[in-house]
Amino acid sequence: MKHKRYALFVGRWQPFHLGHKYIIDQALQQGKDVAVAVRDTELSEKNPYTVEQRIEMIKQVYGDKVLVIPICDIESINIGRNVGYDVIHYEVPRQIEDISATKIRSAKTTSSMTDVPEEVKAYLAKISPTFWLFGLPCSGKTTLAKLMKERMADKNRRVIHFDGDTLRAGLNKDLGFSEKDREENLRRAAHMAKLFNEQGHSVVCSFITPTETNRKMIREIIPNVYFIYTKCSVATCKQRDVKGMYKKAMEGKIKGFTGVDDPFEEPKKPDLLVNTEKADIDTCLRQILDAYL
């Protein structure tokens, strides 16, 4: 087995941002194996993220493309003669060099994004995506979304859950269930998710989202959204329906109910499909966590 030698990058990465990514990308583009060492700095206003959180940030961007390792905090780096490796300086364009970790840290705590550079907003949205679970009523999307939020919070991720029923009880209580109002319900939710992404929050959404047109609109609004389809047959969803909504719809007491008298379009290419009819919730959750977290 060939012994690997790495191009090593050492830093606080508080937080990891586009400027950091630029210099690491230079080595990757040259075909080098890259290792990123994350200094285990003491928590403070200047160092608000734990070493685990910063490692997760880098892994969200690179996955398995780079080796990420925690190291002790550093007072100084000391080298002698003929140490066996090169010290390389990468020239960084001005627009990249001007990206400041201080501004990013400020952006994640400020109540206004007015003065935050667009590249910072784009970066925050990238590391804080939206996971959009969709499927028939009673297909398990809300249950999975709640569990996702819990697991992400356990990993110290800032995360929010938006659910169709919850939004309709408050922010979107003025909307009905016409095709136009349903689209507006999703449009508002998507814009809220985007705003929270730009503030550094991951968002988990659970909405029926019945048409490909709906999903296309959401993709156009949210730069970094992952659609997770909770696949389940109408027959099984009816069996799970403890509220009796399917029964009421079949009796004509509820009009325009998705799966009964309103169509649900099977997605052509969801980012992830979990079959909640054939697999239990724990298995489906593990599938999602393995794919994204």
C-alpha atoms as a PDB file:
ATOM      1  CA  MET A   1       0.000   0.000   0.000  1.00  0.00           C
ATOM      2  CA  LYS A   2       1.385   3.374  -1.050  1.00  0.00           C
ATOM      3  CA  HIS A   3       2.241   5.712   1.811  1.00  0.00           C
ATOM      4  CA  LYS A   4       0.371   9.019   1.503  1.00  0.00           C
ATOM      5  CA  ARG A   5       1.990  12.390   2.007  1.00  0.00           C
ATOM      6  CA  TYR A   6      -0.305  15.341   2.576  1.00  0.00           C
ATOM      7  CA  ALA A   7      -0.414  19.028   1.822  1.00  0.00           C
ATOM      8  CA  LEU A   8      -1.173  20.241   5.357  1.00  0.00           C
ATOM      9  CA  PHE A   9      -3.243  23.314   6.183  1.00  0.00           C
ATOM     10  CA  VAL A  10      -3.335  24.434   9.822  1.00  0.00           C
ATOM     11  CA  GLY A  11      -5.755  26.992  11.243  1.00  0.00           C
ATOM     12  CA  ARG A  12      -8.502  27.930  13.665  1.00  0.00           C
ATOM     13  CA  TRP A  13     -11.089  28.069  10.844  1.00  0.00           C
ATOM     14  CA  GLN A  14     -13.361  30.267  13.020  1.00  0.00           C
ATOM     15  CA  PRO A  15     -15.485  29.614  11.018  1.00  0.00           C
ATOM     16  CA  PHE A  16     -14.376  27.894   7.812  1.00  0.00           C
ATOM     17  CA  HIS A  17     -15.179  30.273   4.931  1.00  0.00           C
ATOM     18  CA  LEU A  18     -14.638  30.937   1.218  1.00  0.00           C
ATOM     19  CA  GLY A  19     -11.204  32.445   1.784  1.00  0.00           C
ATOM     20  CA  HIS A  20     -10.065  29.288   3.524  1.00  0.00           C
ATOM     21  CA  LYS A  21     -11.671  27.163   0.816  1.00  0.00           C
ATOM     22  CA  TYR A  22      -9.821  29.046  -1.912  1.00  0.00           C
ATOM     23  CA  ILE A  23      -6.346  28.186  -0.635  1.00  0.00           C
ATOM     24  CA  ILE A  24      -7.215  24.544   0.022  1.00  0.00           C
ATOM     25  CA  ASP A  25      -8.720  24.265  -3.462  1.00  0.00           C
ATOM     26  CA  GLN A  26      -5.360  25.328  -4.941  1.00  0.00           C
ATOM     27  CA  ALA A  27      -3.722  22.198  -3.546  1.00  0.00           C
ATOM     28  CA  LEU A  28      -6.636  19.966  -4.560  1.00  0.00           C
ATOM     29  CA  GLN A  29      -6.516  21.301  -8.118  1.00  0.00           C
ATOM     30  CA  GLN A  30      -2.830  20.342  -8.231  1.00  0.00           C
ATOM     31  CA  GLY A  31      -3.816  16.768  -7.390  1.00  0.00           C
ATOM     32  CA  LYS A  32      -2.418  16.831  -3.863  1.00  0.00           C
ATOM     33  CA  ASP A  33      -3.788  14.830  -0.945  1.00  0.00           C
ATOM     34  CA  VAL A  34      -4.915  17.453   1.553  1.00  0.00           C
ATOM     35  CA  ALA A  35      -5.082  17.342   5.348  1.00  0.00           C
ATOM     36  CA  VAL A  36      -6.728  20.149   7.308  1.00  0.00           C
ATOM     37  CA  ALA A  37      -5.643  20.488  10.930  1.00  0.00           C
ATOM     38  CA  VAL A  38      -8.128  22.275  13.202  1.00  0.00           C
ATOM     39  CA  ARG A  39      -6.679  23.985  16.269  1.00  0.00           C
ATOM     40  CA  ASP A  40      -8.544  23.140  19.464  1.00  0.00           C
ATOM     41  CA  THR A  41      -8.852  26.751  20.637  1.00  0.00           C
ATOM     42  CA  GLU A  42     -10.441  27.829  23.902  1.00  0.00           C
ATOM     43  CA  LEU A  43     -14.017  29.062  23.487  1.00  0.00           C
ATOM     44  CA  SER A  44     -14.333  32.850  23.514  1.00  0.00           C
ATOM     45  CA  GLU A  45     -16.034  35.677  21.610  1.00  0.00           C
ATOM     46  CA  LYS A  46     -13.223  35.437  19.059  1.00  0.00           C
ATOM     47  CA  ASN A  47     -13.423  31.626  19.015  1.00  0.00           C
ATOM     48  CA  PRO A  48     -17.155  30.846  19.364  1.00  0.00           C
ATOM     49  CA  TYR A  49     -17.166  27.424  17.645  1.00  0.00           C
ATOM     50  CA  THR A  50     -15.990  24.167  19.187  1.00  0.00           C
ATOM     51  CA  VAL A  51     -13.406  22.095  17.350  1.00  0.00           C
ATOM     52  CA  GLU A  52     -16.162  19.552  16.554  1.00  0.00           C
ATOM     53  CA  GLN A  53     -18.345  22.254  14.987  1.00  0.00           C
ATOM     54  CA  ARG A  54     -15.485  23.537  12.825  1.00  0.00           C
ATOM     55  CA  ILE A  55     -14.577  20.038  11.683  1.00  0.00           C
ATOM     56  CA  GLU A  56     -18.226  19.523  10.709  1.00  0.00           C
ATOM     57  CA  MET A  57     -18.201  22.796   8.717  1.00  0.00           C
ATOM     58  CA  ILE A  58     -15.217  21.613   6.674  1.00  0.00           C
ATOM     59  CA  LYS A  59     -16.707  18.160   6.151  1.00  0.00           C
ATOM     60  CA  GLN A  60     -19.934  19.716   4.891  1.00  0.00           C
ATOM     61  CA  VAL A  61     -17.930  21.465   2.180  1.00  0.00           C
ATOM     62  CA  TYR A  62     -15.449  18.708   1.261  1.00  0.00           C
ATOM     63  CA  GLY A  63     -16.885  15.431   2.504  1.00  0.00           C
ATOM     64  CA  ASP A  64     -14.169  12.770   2.190  1.00  0.00           C
ATOM     65  CA  LYS A  65     -12.059  14.798  -0.271  1.00  0.00           C
ATOM     66  CA  VAL A  66      -9.793  16.034   2.516  1.00  0.00           C
ATOM     67  CA  LEU A  67      -8.555  14.550   5.778  1.00  0.00           C
ATOM     68  CA  VAL A  68      -9.711  16.695   8.717  1.00  0.00           C
ATOM     69  CA  ILE A  69      -7.950  16.269  12.056  1.00  0.00           C
ATOM     70  CA  PRO A  70      -8.141  18.092  15.406  1.00  0.00           C
ATOM     71  CA  ILE A  71      -4.832  19.212  16.886  1.00  0.00           C
ATOM     72  CA  CYS A  72      -3.776  20.975  20.064  1.00  0.00           C
ATOM     73  CA  ASP A  73      -3.808  24.765  20.150  1.00  0.00           C
ATOM     74  CA  ILE A  74      -0.610  26.344  18.863  1.00  0.00           C
ATOM     75  CA  GLU A  75       1.638  29.025  20.312  1.00  0.00           C
ATOM     76  CA  SER A  76       4.099  28.908  17.408  1.00  0.00           C
ATOM     77  CA  ILE A  77       5.175  26.759  14.482  1.00  0.00           C
ATOM     78  CA  ASN A  78       8.877  25.982  14.542  1.00  0.00           C
ATOM     79  CA  ILE A  79      10.891  24.413  11.745  1.00  0.00           C
ATOM     80  CA  GLY A  80      14.574  23.673  11.317  1.00  0.00           C
ATOM     81  CA  ARG A  81      16.803  22.960   8.342  1.00  0.00           C
ATOM     82  CA  ASN A  82      15.905  20.343   5.764  1.00  0.00           C
ATOM     83  CA  VAL A  83      12.666  19.361   7.496  1.00  0.00           C
ATOM     84  CA  GLY A  84      11.482  17.230   4.585  1.00  0.00           C
ATOM     85  CA  TYR A  85       8.621  19.320   3.250  1.00  0.00           C
ATOM     86  CA  ASP A  86       8.043  22.547   1.353  1.00  0.00           C
ATOM     87  CA  VAL A  87       6.464  25.663   2.817  1.00  0.00           C
ATOM     88  CA  ILE A  88       4.169  27.038   0.096  1.00  0.00           C
ATOM     89  CA  HIS A  89       2.455  30.421  -0.037  1.00  0.00           C
ATOM     90  CA  TYR A  90      -0.633  30.719  -2.234  1.00  0.00           C
ATOM     91  CA  GLU A  91      -1.482  34.118  -3.695  1.00  0.00           C
ATOM     92  CA  VAL A  92      -5.102  34.964  -2.913  1.00  0.00           C
ATOM     93  CA  PRO A  93      -7.204  37.361  -5.062  1.00  0.00           C
ATOM     94  CA  ARG A  94      -8.273  40.540  -3.280  1.00  0.00           C
ATOM     95  CA  GLN A  95     -11.988  39.696  -3.328  1.00  0.00           C
ATOM     96  CA  ILE A  96     -11.237  36.399  -1.575  1.00  0.00           C
ATOM     97  CA  GLU A  97      -8.661  37.839   0.829  1.00  0.00           C
ATOM     98  CA  ASP A  98     -11.177  40.467   1.954  1.00  0.00           C
ATOM     99  CA  ILE A  99     -13.570  37.800   3.246  1.00  0.00           C
ATOM    100  CA  SER A 100     -13.296  38.110   6.996  1.00  0.00           C
ATOM    101  CA  ALA A 101     -14.039  35.432   9.571  1.00  0.00           C
ATOM    102  CA  THR A 102     -14.825  38.284  11.958  1.00  0.00           C
ATOM    103  CA  LYS A 103     -17.599  39.455   9.611  1.00  0.00           C
ATOM    104  CA  ILE A 104     -18.961  35.925   9.339  1.00  0.00           C
ATOM    105  CA  ARG A 105     -19.009  35.480  13.119  1.00  0.00           C
ATOM    106  CA  SER A 106     -20.767  38.840  13.392  1.00  0.00           C
ATOM    107  CA  ALA A 107     -23.272  37.845  10.716  1.00  0.00           C
ATOM    108  CA  LYS A 108     -24.318  34.777  12.690  1.00  0.00           C
ATOM    109  CA  THR A 109     -25.186  36.851  15.735  1.00  0.00           C
ATOM    110  CA  THR A 110     -26.481  40.099  14.235  1.00  0.00           C
ATOM    111  CA  SER A 111     -30.201  40.777  14.002  1.00  0.00           C
ATOM    112  CA  SER A 112     -29.798  42.406  10.586  1.00  0.00           C
ATOM    113  CA  MET A 113     -28.081  41.126   7.434  1.00  0.00           C
ATOM    114  CA  THR A 114     -28.031  44.581   5.782  1.00  0.00           C
ATOM    115  CA  ASP A 115     -24.290  45.116   6.124  1.00  0.00           C
ATOM    116  CA  VAL A 116     -23.238  41.505   5.568  1.00  0.00           C
ATOM    117  CA  PRO A 117     -21.429  40.932   2.236  1.00  0.00           C
ATOM    118  CA  GLU A 118     -23.241  38.775  -0.306  1.00  0.00           C
ATOM    119  CA  GLU A 119     -20.375  36.267  -0.368  1.00  0.00           C
ATOM    120  CA  VAL A 120     -20.789  35.800   3.383  1.00  0.00           C
ATOM    121  CA  LYS A 121     -24.527  35.188   2.981  1.00  0.00           C
ATOM    122  CA  ALA A 122     -23.792  32.669   0.232  1.00  0.00           C
ATOM    123  CA  TYR A 123     -21.261  30.898   2.428  1.00  0.00           C
ATOM    124  CA  LEU A 124     -23.602  30.696   5.399  1.00  0.00           C
ATOM    125  CA  ALA A 125     -26.329  29.313   3.154  1.00  0.00           C
ATOM    126  CA  LYS A 126     -23.919  26.653   1.867  1.00  0.00           C
ATOM    127  CA  ILE A 127     -22.918  25.335   5.276  1.00  0.00           C
ATOM    128  CA  SER A 128     -26.462  25.714   6.633  1.00  0.00           C
ATOM    129  CA  PRO A 129     -28.744  24.080   4.053  1.00  0.00           C
ATOM    130  CA  THR A 130     -32.462  23.355   3.953  1.00  0.00           C
ATOM    131  CA  PHE A 131     -33.644  19.749   4.071  1.00  0.00           C
ATOM    132  CA  TRP A 132     -37.128  19.620   2.534  1.00  0.00           C
ATOM    133  CA  LEU A 133     -39.073  16.457   3.381  1.00  0.00           C
ATOM    134  CA  PHE A 134     -42.140  15.956   1.205  1.00  0.00           C
ATOM    135  CA  GLY A 135     -44.716  13.283   0.511  1.00  0.00           C
ATOM    136  CA  LEU A 136     -48.335  12.300   1.005  1.00  0.00           C
ATOM    137  CA  PRO A 137     -50.188  13.137   4.222  1.00  0.00           C
ATOM    138  CA  CYS A 138     -49.206  10.586   6.916  1.00  0.00           C
ATOM    139  CA  SER A 139     -46.170   9.400   4.957  1.00  0.00           C
ATOM    140  CA  GLY A 140     -43.884  10.108   7.938  1.00  0.00           C
ATOM    141  CA  LYS A 141     -42.248  13.355   6.830  1.00  0.00           C
ATOM    142  CA  THR A 142     -43.071  15.347   9.986  1.00  0.00           C
ATOM    143  CA  THR A 143     -41.936  12.544  12.306  1.00  0.00           C
ATOM    144  CA  LEU A 144     -38.647  12.253  10.424  1.00  0.00           C
ATOM    145  CA  ALA A 145     -38.201  16.032  10.333  1.00  0.00           C
ATOM    146  CA  LYS A 146     -38.575  16.289  14.113  1.00  0.00           C
ATOM    147  CA  LEU A 147     -36.054  13.494  14.644  1.00  0.00           C
ATOM    148  CA  MET A 148     -33.648  15.145  12.206  1.00  0.00           C
ATOM    149  CA  LYS A 149     -33.880  18.393  14.125  1.00  0.00           C
ATOM    150  CA  GLU A 150     -33.137  16.590  17.407  1.00  0.00           C
ATOM    151  CA  ARG A 151     -30.086  14.819  15.978  1.00  0.00           C
ATOM    152  CA  MET A 152     -28.740  17.986  14.392  1.00  0.00           C
ATOM    153  CA  ALA A 153     -29.225  19.919  17.629  1.00  0.00           C
ATOM    154  CA  ASP A 154     -27.323  17.168  19.447  1.00  0.00           C
ATOM    155  CA  LYS A 155     -24.399  17.921  17.101  1.00  0.00           C
ATOM    156  CA  ASN A 156     -24.532  21.604  18.125  1.00  0.00           C
ATOM    157  CA  ARG A 157     -26.064  22.626  14.801  1.00  0.00           C
ATOM    158  CA  ARG A 158     -28.346  25.656  14.784  1.00  0.00           C
ATOM    159  CA  VAL A 159     -31.499  24.175  13.299  1.00  0.00           C
ATOM    160  CA  ILE A 160     -35.157  25.128  12.850  1.00  0.00           C
ATOM    161  CA  HIS A 161     -38.112  22.971  11.808  1.00  0.00           C
ATOM    162  CA  PHE A 162     -40.913  24.366   9.632  1.00  0.00           C
ATOM    163  CA  ASP A 163     -44.034  22.231   9.328  1.00  0.00           C
ATOM    164  CA  GLY A 164     -47.048  22.813   7.097  1.00  0.00           C
ATOM    165  CA  ASP A 165     -49.631  22.497   9.876  1.00  0.00           C
ATOM    166  CA  THR A 166     -47.680  24.766  12.233  1.00  0.00           C
ATOM    167  CA  LEU A 167     -47.257  27.543   9.665  1.00  0.00           C
ATOM    168  CA  ARG A 168     -50.906  27.385   8.666  1.00  0.00           C
ATOM    169  CA  ALA A 169     -51.892  27.839  12.312  1.00  0.00           C
ATOM    170  CA  GLY A 170     -49.906  31.076  12.532  1.00  0.00           C
ATOM    171  CA  LEU A 171     -47.999  32.909   9.831  1.00  0.00           C
ATOM    172  CA  ASN A 172     -50.052  31.483   6.964  1.00  0.00           C
ATOM    173  CA  LYS A 173     -53.455  31.360   8.643  1.00  0.00           C
ATOM    174  CA  ASP A 174     -54.777  33.716   5.969  1.00  0.00           C
ATOM    175  CA  LEU A 175     -54.299  31.046   3.284  1.00  0.00           C
ATOM    176  CA  GLY A 176     -56.810  28.461   2.190  1.00  0.00           C
ATOM    177  CA  PHE A 177     -56.293  25.261   0.210  1.00  0.00           C
ATOM    178  CA  SER A 178     -56.794  26.447  -3.344  1.00  0.00           C
ATOM    179  CA  GLU A 179     -53.944  25.692  -5.744  1.00  0.00           C
ATOM    180  CA  LYS A 180     -52.877  29.350  -5.594  1.00  0.00           C
ATOM    181  CA  ASP A 181     -52.924  29.459  -1.773  1.00  0.00           C
ATOM    182  CA  ARG A 182     -51.020  26.183  -1.474  1.00  0.00           C
ATOM    183  CA  GLU A 183     -48.312  27.520  -3.745  1.00  0.00           C
ATOM    184  CA  GLU A 184     -48.154  30.742  -1.708  1.00  0.00           C
ATOM    185  CA  ASN A 185     -47.855  28.689   1.489  1.00  0.00           C
ATOM    186  CA  LEU A 186     -44.789  26.927   0.067  1.00  0.00           C
ATOM    187  CA  ARG A 187     -43.340  30.124  -1.387  1.00  0.00           C
ATOM    188  CA  ARG A 188     -43.424  31.859   1.993  1.00  0.00           C
ATOM    189  CA  ALA A 189     -41.902  28.848   3.726  1.00  0.00           C
ATOM    190  CA  ALA A 190     -39.098  28.694   1.162  1.00  0.00           C
ATOM    191  CA  HIS A 191     -38.232  32.370   1.568  1.00  0.00           C
ATOM    192  CA  MET A 192     -38.167  31.983   5.355  1.00  0.00           C
ATOM    193  CA  ALA A 193     -35.897  28.952   5.045  1.00  0.00           C
ATOM    194  CA  LYS A 194     -33.541  30.921   2.798  1.00  0.00           C
ATOM    195  CA  LEU A 195     -33.384  33.801   5.291  1.00  0.00           C
ATOM    196  CA  PHE A 196     -32.554  31.446   8.150  1.00  0.00           C
ATOM    197  CA  ASN A 197     -29.910  29.695   6.021  1.00  0.00           C
ATOM    198  CA  GLU A 198     -28.265  33.071   5.420  1.00  0.00           C
ATOM    199  CA  GLN A 199     -28.213  33.606   9.180  1.00  0.00           C
ATOM    200  CA  GLY A 200     -26.327  30.329   9.623  1.00  0.00           C
ATOM    201  CA  HIS A 201     -29.293  28.120  10.596  1.00  0.00           C
ATOM    202  CA  SER A 202     -29.995  24.784   8.978  1.00  0.00           C
ATOM    203  CA  VAL A 203     -33.704  24.337   8.278  1.00  0.00           C
ATOM    204  CA  VAL A 204     -35.744  21.133   8.161  1.00  0.00           C
ATOM    205  CA  CYS A 205     -39.081  21.505   6.358  1.00  0.00           C
ATOM    206  CA  SER A 206     -41.977  19.049   6.211  1.00  0.00           C
ATOM    207  CA  PHE A 207     -44.582  19.930   3.598  1.00  0.00           C
ATOM    208  CA  ILE A 208     -46.634  17.784   1.221  1.00  0.00           C
ATOM    209  CA  THR A 209     -45.250  19.781  -1.764  1.00  0.00           C
ATOM    210  CA  PRO A 210     -47.359  17.800  -4.247  1.00  0.00           C
ATOM    211  CA  THR A 211     -46.163  19.008  -7.660  1.00  0.00           C
ATOM    212  CA  GLU A 212     -42.942  19.235  -9.619  1.00  0.00           C
ATOM    213  CA  THR A 213     -43.803  22.896 -10.240  1.00  0.00           C
ATOM    214  CA  ASN A 214     -43.818  23.482  -6.462  1.00  0.00           C
ATOM    215  CA  ARG A 215     -40.419  21.818  -6.103  1.00  0.00           C
ATOM    216  CA  LYS A 216     -38.928  23.756  -9.004  1.00  0.00           C
ATOM    217  CA  MET A 217     -40.095  27.038  -7.430  1.00  0.00           C
ATOM    218  CA  ILE A 218     -38.510  26.101  -4.093  1.00  0.00           C
ATOM    219  CA  ARG A 219     -35.185  25.199  -5.754  1.00  0.00           C
ATOM    220  CA  GLU A 220     -35.181  28.592  -7.443  1.00  0.00           C
ATOM    221  CA  ILE A 221     -35.661  30.338  -4.074  1.00  0.00           C
ATOM    222  CA  ILE A 222     -33.293  28.309  -1.864  1.00  0.00           C
ATOM    223  CA  PRO A 223     -29.731  27.983  -3.219  1.00  0.00           C
ATOM    224  CA  ASN A 224     -28.896  24.923  -1.125  1.00  0.00           C
ATOM    225  CA  VAL A 225     -31.951  22.744  -0.661  1.00  0.00           C
ATOM    226  CA  TYR A 226     -32.091  18.948  -0.497  1.00  0.00           C
ATOM    227  CA  PHE A 227     -35.405  17.311  -1.345  1.00  0.00           C
ATOM    228  CA  ILE A 228     -36.074  14.123   0.650  1.00  0.00           C
ATOM    229  CA  TYR A 229     -39.063  12.139  -0.601  1.00  0.00           C
ATOM    230  CA  THR A 230     -40.916  10.094   2.021  1.00  0.00           C
ATOM    231  CA  LYS A 231     -42.396   7.477  -0.268  1.00  0.00           C
ATOM    232  CA  CYS A 232     -45.500   5.665   0.960  1.00  0.00           C
ATOM    233  CA  SER A 233     -48.652   4.338  -0.734  1.00  0.00           C
ATOM    234  CA  VAL A 234     -52.039   5.966  -0.207  1.00  0.00           C
ATOM    235  CA  ALA A 235     -53.340   2.712   1.287  1.00  0.00           C
ATOM    236  CA  THR A 236     -50.678   2.663   4.001  1.00  0.00           C
ATOM    237  CA  CYS A 237     -51.063   6.398   4.680  1.00  0.00           C
ATOM    238  CA  LYS A 238     -54.793   5.810   5.253  1.00  0.00           C
ATOM    239  CA  GLN A 239     -54.007   3.120   7.817  1.00  0.00           C
ATOM    240  CA  ARG A 240     -51.715   5.486   9.708  1.00  0.00           C
ATOM    241  CA  ASP A 241     -54.187   8.376   9.703  1.00  0.00           C
ATOM    242  CA  VAL A 242     -55.116   8.724  13.372  1.00  0.00           C
ATOM    243  CA  LYS A 243     -56.881  12.054  12.710  1.00  0.00           C
ATOM    244  CA  GLY A 244     -59.242  10.455  10.189  1.00  0.00           C
ATOM    245  CA  MET A 245     -58.459  13.040   7.502  1.00  0.00           C
ATOM    246  CA  TYR A 246     -58.440  10.520   4.645  1.00  0.00           C
ATOM    247  CA  LYS A 247     -61.791   9.137   5.790  1.00  0.00           C
ATOM    248  CA  LYS A 248     -63.309  12.626   5.905  1.00  0.00           C
ATOM    249  CA  ALA A 249     -61.927  13.388   2.451  1.00  0.00           C
ATOM    250  CA  MET A 250     -63.377  10.175   1.029  1.00  0.00           C
ATOM    251  CA  GLU A 251     -66.732  11.067   2.582  1.00  0.00           C
ATOM    252  CA  GLY A 252     -66.588  14.480   0.903  1.00  0.00           C
ATOM    253  CA  LYS A 253     -66.235  16.366   4.191  1.00  0.00           C
ATOM    254  CA  ILE A 254     -62.818  17.709   3.156  1.00  0.00           C
ATOM    255  CA  LYS A 255     -62.274  18.988  -0.375  1.00  0.00           C
ATOM    256  CA  GLY A 256     -58.989  19.084  -2.248  1.00  0.00           C
ATOM    257  CA  PHE A 257     -57.230  16.559  -0.015  1.00  0.00           C
ATOM    258  CA  THR A 258     -53.942  15.344  -1.502  1.00  0.00           C
ATOM    259  CA  GLY A 259     -54.040  11.627  -2.217  1.00  0.00           C
ATOM    260  CA  VAL A 260     -57.853  11.488  -2.462  1.00  0.00           C
ATOM    261  CA  ASP A 261     -59.298  14.144  -4.757  1.00  0.00           C
ATOM    262  CA  ASP A 262     -56.129  16.181  -5.320  1.00  0.00           C
ATOM    263  CA  PRO A 263     -53.156  14.630  -7.128  1.00  0.00           C
ATOM    264  CA  PHE A 264     -49.642  14.040  -5.826  1.00  0.00           C
ATOM    265  CA  GLU A 265     -46.943  13.959  -8.498  1.00  0.00           C
ATOM    266  CA  GLU A 266     -44.199  11.411  -7.929  1.00  0.00           C
ATOM    267  CA  PRO A 267     -40.849  13.214  -8.022  1.00  0.00           C
ATOM    268  CA  LYS A 268     -38.642  12.533 -11.045  1.00  0.00           C
ATOM    269  CA  LYS A 269     -35.298  12.936  -9.301  1.00  0.00           C
ATOM    270  CA  PRO A 270     -35.470  13.602  -5.549  1.00  0.00           C
ATOM    271  CA  ASP A 271     -32.129  14.154  -3.844  1.00  0.00           C
ATOM    272  CA  LEU A 272     -32.975  11.250  -1.549  1.00  0.00           C
ATOM    273  CA  LEU A 273     -35.835   8.742  -1.378  1.00  0.00           C
ATOM    274  CA  VAL A 274     -36.731   6.997   1.868  1.00  0.00           C
ATOM    275  CA  ASN A 275     -39.403   4.316   1.654  1.00  0.00           C
ATOM    276  CA  THR A 276     -41.359   4.766   4.866  1.00  0.00           C
ATOM    277  CA  GLU A 277     -43.756   1.982   3.881  1.00  0.00           C
ATOM    278  CA  LYS A 278     -41.094  -0.733   3.620  1.00  0.00           C
ATOM    279  CA  ALA A 279     -38.649   0.535   6.255  1.00  0.00           C
ATOM    280  CA  ASP A 280     -39.226   1.638   9.850  1.00  0.00           C
ATOM    281  CA  ILE A 281     -38.614   5.203  11.012  1.00  0.00           C
ATOM    282  CA  ASP A 282     -35.215   4.442  12.580  1.00  0.00           C
ATOM    283  CA  THR A 283     -33.965   2.920   9.325  1.00  0.00           C
ATOM    284  CA  CYS A 284     -35.225   5.870   7.279  1.00  0.00           C
ATOM    285  CA  LEU A 285     -33.672   8.326   9.720  1.00  0.00           C
ATOM    286  CA  ARG A 286     -30.334   6.519   9.513  1.00  0.00           C
ATOM    287  CA  GLN A 287     -30.511   6.703   5.720  1.00  0.00           C
ATOM    288  CA  ILE A 288     -30.949  10.477   5.889  1.00  0.00           C
ATOM    289  CA  LEU A 289     -28.250  10.996   8.510  1.00  0.00           C
ATOM    290  CA  ASP A 290     -25.787   8.860   6.556  1.00  0.00           C
ATOM    291  CA  ALA A 291     -26.472  10.889   3.413  1.00  0.00           C
ATOM    292  CA  TYR A 292     -26.255  14.395   4.888  1.00  0.00           C
ATOM    293  CA  LEU A 293     -25.095  14.502   8.497  1.00  0.00           C
END
